[in-house]
Protein backbone atom coordinates (compact mmCIF):
# COMPACT_ATOMS: atom_id res chain seq x y z
CA UNK A 1 3.22 12.29 -68.19
CA UNK A 2 6.08 10.06 -67.13
CA UNK A 3 8.88 12.51 -68.05
CA UNK A 4 7.62 15.21 -65.68
CA UNK A 5 7.63 17.91 -68.36
CA UNK A 6 3.92 17.67 -69.06
CA UNK A 7 1.09 17.75 -66.52
CA UNK A 8 -2.19 16.15 -67.46
CA UNK A 9 -5.60 16.50 -65.90
CA UNK A 10 -9.11 15.52 -66.90
CA UNK A 11 -11.80 18.19 -67.06
CA UNK A 12 -14.80 16.30 -65.75
CA UNK A 13 -17.07 19.33 -66.09
CA UNK A 14 -16.57 20.01 -69.81
CA UNK A 15 -18.36 18.17 -72.57
CA UNK A 16 -16.53 14.97 -73.45
CA UNK A 17 -14.25 15.22 -70.37
CA UNK A 18 -11.20 16.44 -72.31
CA UNK A 19 -7.70 15.63 -71.19
CA UNK A 20 -5.81 18.88 -70.66
CA UNK A 21 -2.06 18.90 -71.14
CA UNK A 22 0.12 21.65 -69.72
CA UNK A 23 3.83 22.24 -70.10
CA UNK A 24 5.14 21.77 -66.56
CA UNK A 25 8.76 22.82 -66.77
CA UNK A 26 9.69 26.52 -66.36
CA UNK A 27 12.88 26.22 -68.43
CA UNK A 28 11.07 24.56 -71.33
CA UNK A 29 8.37 27.22 -71.12
CA UNK A 30 11.07 29.90 -71.35
CA UNK A 31 12.76 28.08 -74.21
CA UNK A 32 9.61 27.67 -76.34
CA UNK A 33 8.30 31.17 -75.61
CA UNK A 34 11.51 33.12 -76.13
CA UNK A 35 14.57 31.18 -77.28
CA UNK A 36 12.90 29.10 -80.00
CA UNK A 37 11.16 32.20 -81.37
CA UNK A 38 14.46 34.10 -81.48
CA UNK A 39 13.21 36.88 -79.24
CA UNK A 40 16.40 37.00 -77.18
CA UNK A 41 18.61 36.97 -80.30
CA UNK A 42 17.26 40.33 -81.42
CA UNK A 43 17.15 41.81 -77.92
CA UNK A 44 19.28 41.18 -74.88
CA UNK A 45 17.94 39.81 -71.61
CA UNK A 46 17.68 43.33 -70.12
CA UNK A 47 15.50 44.40 -73.06
CA UNK A 48 13.40 41.29 -72.51
CA UNK A 49 13.06 42.05 -68.79
CA UNK A 50 12.11 45.63 -69.55
CA UNK A 51 9.28 44.42 -71.81
CA UNK A 52 7.08 44.02 -68.77
CA UNK A 53 4.24 42.28 -70.62
CA UNK A 54 6.26 39.33 -71.90
CA UNK A 55 8.43 39.08 -68.81
CA UNK A 56 5.51 39.32 -66.38
CA UNK A 57 3.52 36.79 -68.39
CA UNK A 58 6.39 34.30 -68.36
CA UNK A 59 6.95 34.79 -64.62
CA UNK A 60 3.24 34.22 -63.99
CA UNK A 61 3.24 30.97 -65.94
CA UNK A 62 6.43 29.82 -64.24
CA UNK A 63 4.84 30.56 -60.84
CA UNK A 64 1.77 28.49 -61.78
CA UNK A 65 4.10 25.61 -62.66
CA UNK A 66 5.91 26.05 -59.33
CA UNK A 67 2.57 25.82 -57.52
CA UNK A 68 1.73 22.64 -59.45
CA UNK A 69 5.03 21.07 -58.38
CA UNK A 70 4.29 21.95 -54.74
CA UNK A 71 0.65 20.86 -54.55
CA UNK A 72 1.35 18.68 -51.51
CA UNK A 73 2.75 21.69 -49.61
CA UNK A 74 -0.28 23.75 -50.66
CA UNK A 75 -2.57 21.04 -49.33
CA UNK A 76 -0.54 20.91 -46.10
CA UNK A 77 -0.81 24.70 -45.66
CA UNK A 78 -4.58 24.46 -46.23
CA UNK A 79 -4.78 21.72 -43.59
CA UNK A 80 -6.06 19.13 -46.08
CA UNK A 81 -3.01 16.91 -46.61
CA UNK A 82 -5.00 13.86 -45.54
CA UNK A 83 -7.92 14.55 -47.88
CA UNK A 84 -8.06 12.95 -51.32
CA UNK A 85 -8.15 15.62 -54.03
CA UNK A 86 -8.24 16.18 -57.76
CA UNK A 87 -6.25 19.20 -58.96
CA UNK A 88 -6.64 20.93 -62.31
CA UNK A 89 -6.81 24.27 -64.09
CA UNK A 90 -10.28 25.22 -65.33
CA UNK A 91 -11.42 27.30 -68.31
CA UNK A 92 -15.02 28.32 -68.88
CA UNK A 93 -16.53 27.04 -72.10
CA UNK A 94 -18.81 30.08 -72.34
CA UNK A 95 -16.84 33.20 -71.43
CA UNK A 96 -13.18 32.15 -71.23
CA UNK A 97 -12.94 32.64 -67.49
CA UNK A 98 -9.85 30.86 -66.22
CA UNK A 99 -9.08 29.48 -62.79
CA UNK A 100 -5.38 28.80 -62.25
CA UNK A 101 -5.82 25.89 -59.87
CA UNK A 102 -8.89 24.04 -58.64
CA UNK A 103 -8.45 21.66 -55.73
CA UNK A 104 -11.56 19.52 -55.64
CA UNK A 105 -11.69 17.76 -52.31
CA UNK A 106 -13.49 14.57 -51.29
CA UNK A 107 -14.76 16.36 -48.17
CA UNK A 108 -17.30 18.41 -50.15
CA UNK A 109 -15.22 21.58 -50.57
CA UNK A 110 -13.54 23.03 -53.64
CA UNK A 111 -10.63 25.46 -53.31
CA UNK A 112 -10.49 27.93 -56.18
CA UNK A 113 -6.90 29.13 -56.24
CA UNK A 114 -5.75 32.36 -57.85
CA UNK A 115 -1.97 32.38 -58.32
CA UNK A 116 -0.08 35.67 -58.61
CA UNK A 117 3.64 36.27 -58.81
CA UNK A 118 4.76 39.79 -57.93
CA UNK A 119 7.87 41.28 -56.34
CA UNK A 120 5.77 42.95 -53.64
CA UNK A 121 2.47 42.12 -51.97
CA UNK A 122 -0.20 41.62 -54.64
CA UNK A 123 -2.77 44.41 -54.42
CA UNK A 124 -6.35 43.16 -54.26
CA UNK A 125 -8.58 46.04 -55.25
CA UNK A 126 -12.36 45.92 -54.83
CA UNK A 127 -12.60 45.47 -58.61
CA UNK A 128 -10.18 42.53 -58.54
CA UNK A 129 -12.12 41.00 -55.67
CA UNK A 130 -15.29 41.26 -57.77
CA UNK A 131 -13.43 39.49 -60.59
CA UNK A 132 -12.58 36.64 -58.19
CA UNK A 133 -16.22 36.37 -57.11
CA UNK A 134 -17.30 36.31 -60.75
CA UNK A 135 -14.87 33.46 -61.45
CA UNK A 136 -16.27 31.56 -58.46
CA UNK A 137 -19.85 32.14 -59.54
CA UNK A 138 -19.10 31.19 -63.16
CA UNK A 139 -17.45 27.98 -61.98
CA UNK A 140 -20.48 27.12 -59.83
CA UNK A 141 -22.92 27.87 -62.66
CA UNK A 142 -21.08 25.97 -65.38
CA UNK A 143 -20.05 22.95 -63.34
CA UNK A 144 -23.37 22.83 -61.46
CA UNK A 145 -21.44 21.82 -58.36
CA UNK A 146 -23.20 21.78 -55.02
CA UNK A 147 -19.91 21.72 -53.10
CA UNK A 148 -18.77 24.68 -51.00
CA UNK A 149 -16.41 26.96 -52.93
CA UNK A 150 -13.55 28.73 -51.15
CA UNK A 151 -11.26 31.27 -52.78
CA UNK A 152 -7.55 30.90 -52.01
CA UNK A 153 -4.90 33.41 -53.07
CA UNK A 154 -1.42 32.03 -53.68
CA UNK A 155 0.95 34.96 -53.95
CA UNK A 156 4.71 35.10 -53.81
CA UNK A 157 4.70 38.03 -51.39
CA UNK A 158 1.28 38.02 -49.64
CA UNK A 159 -1.58 40.37 -50.52
CA UNK A 160 -2.43 43.99 -49.82
CA UNK A 161 -5.07 46.43 -50.97
CA UNK A 162 -8.43 47.85 -50.10
CA UNK A 163 -10.66 44.93 -50.97
CA UNK A 164 -12.91 43.36 -48.38
CA UNK A 165 -10.89 40.16 -48.16
CA UNK A 166 -13.52 38.26 -46.19
CA UNK A 167 -14.29 36.56 -49.52
CA UNK A 168 -10.74 35.16 -49.65
CA UNK A 169 -10.64 32.22 -47.27
CA UNK A 170 -6.84 31.75 -47.22
CA UNK A 171 -3.69 33.45 -48.46
CA UNK A 172 -0.62 31.32 -49.12
CA UNK A 173 2.88 32.57 -49.97
CA UNK A 174 6.20 31.18 -51.17
CA UNK A 175 6.93 30.24 -47.55
CA UNK A 176 3.97 27.84 -47.69
CA UNK A 177 5.16 26.33 -50.97
CA UNK A 178 8.61 25.59 -49.60
CA UNK A 179 7.69 24.72 -46.01
């Protein structure tokens, strides 16, 4: 939208092509999730930070918003800054699979981006890698796309772990977002 607080995208693969609106301002997200609900009035910020579920969830959403604001830098890091794209989040109609960011490119490739904010390198276990492949396969099945699908990890501090990362075509970090 014009104010910059709301991001809109059209889901061309869902029935009726719904317009999806997403709050696109980290401060407003924090305000509506915690201040407006009075959560920080009953507990101090340290108590909030120590509630790892709420704090981690908010940080994850804020990181997704940060990625949305820096889509041009993401495209540059992927080497596709000159390619016309459509960017959106995607949710499966059948099994609630969610993809944080889809970059559908006019060159016949779709980047399926998984965005993770952690203080250290995000650990990609073999089980997590299988989850990524399931998301990719669900996307292909439900959208019936014939385009090539590439998995991209966007992590604040790189990735680590024991997964066979040959299924992850690129890894981007905060350095790529702010380059």
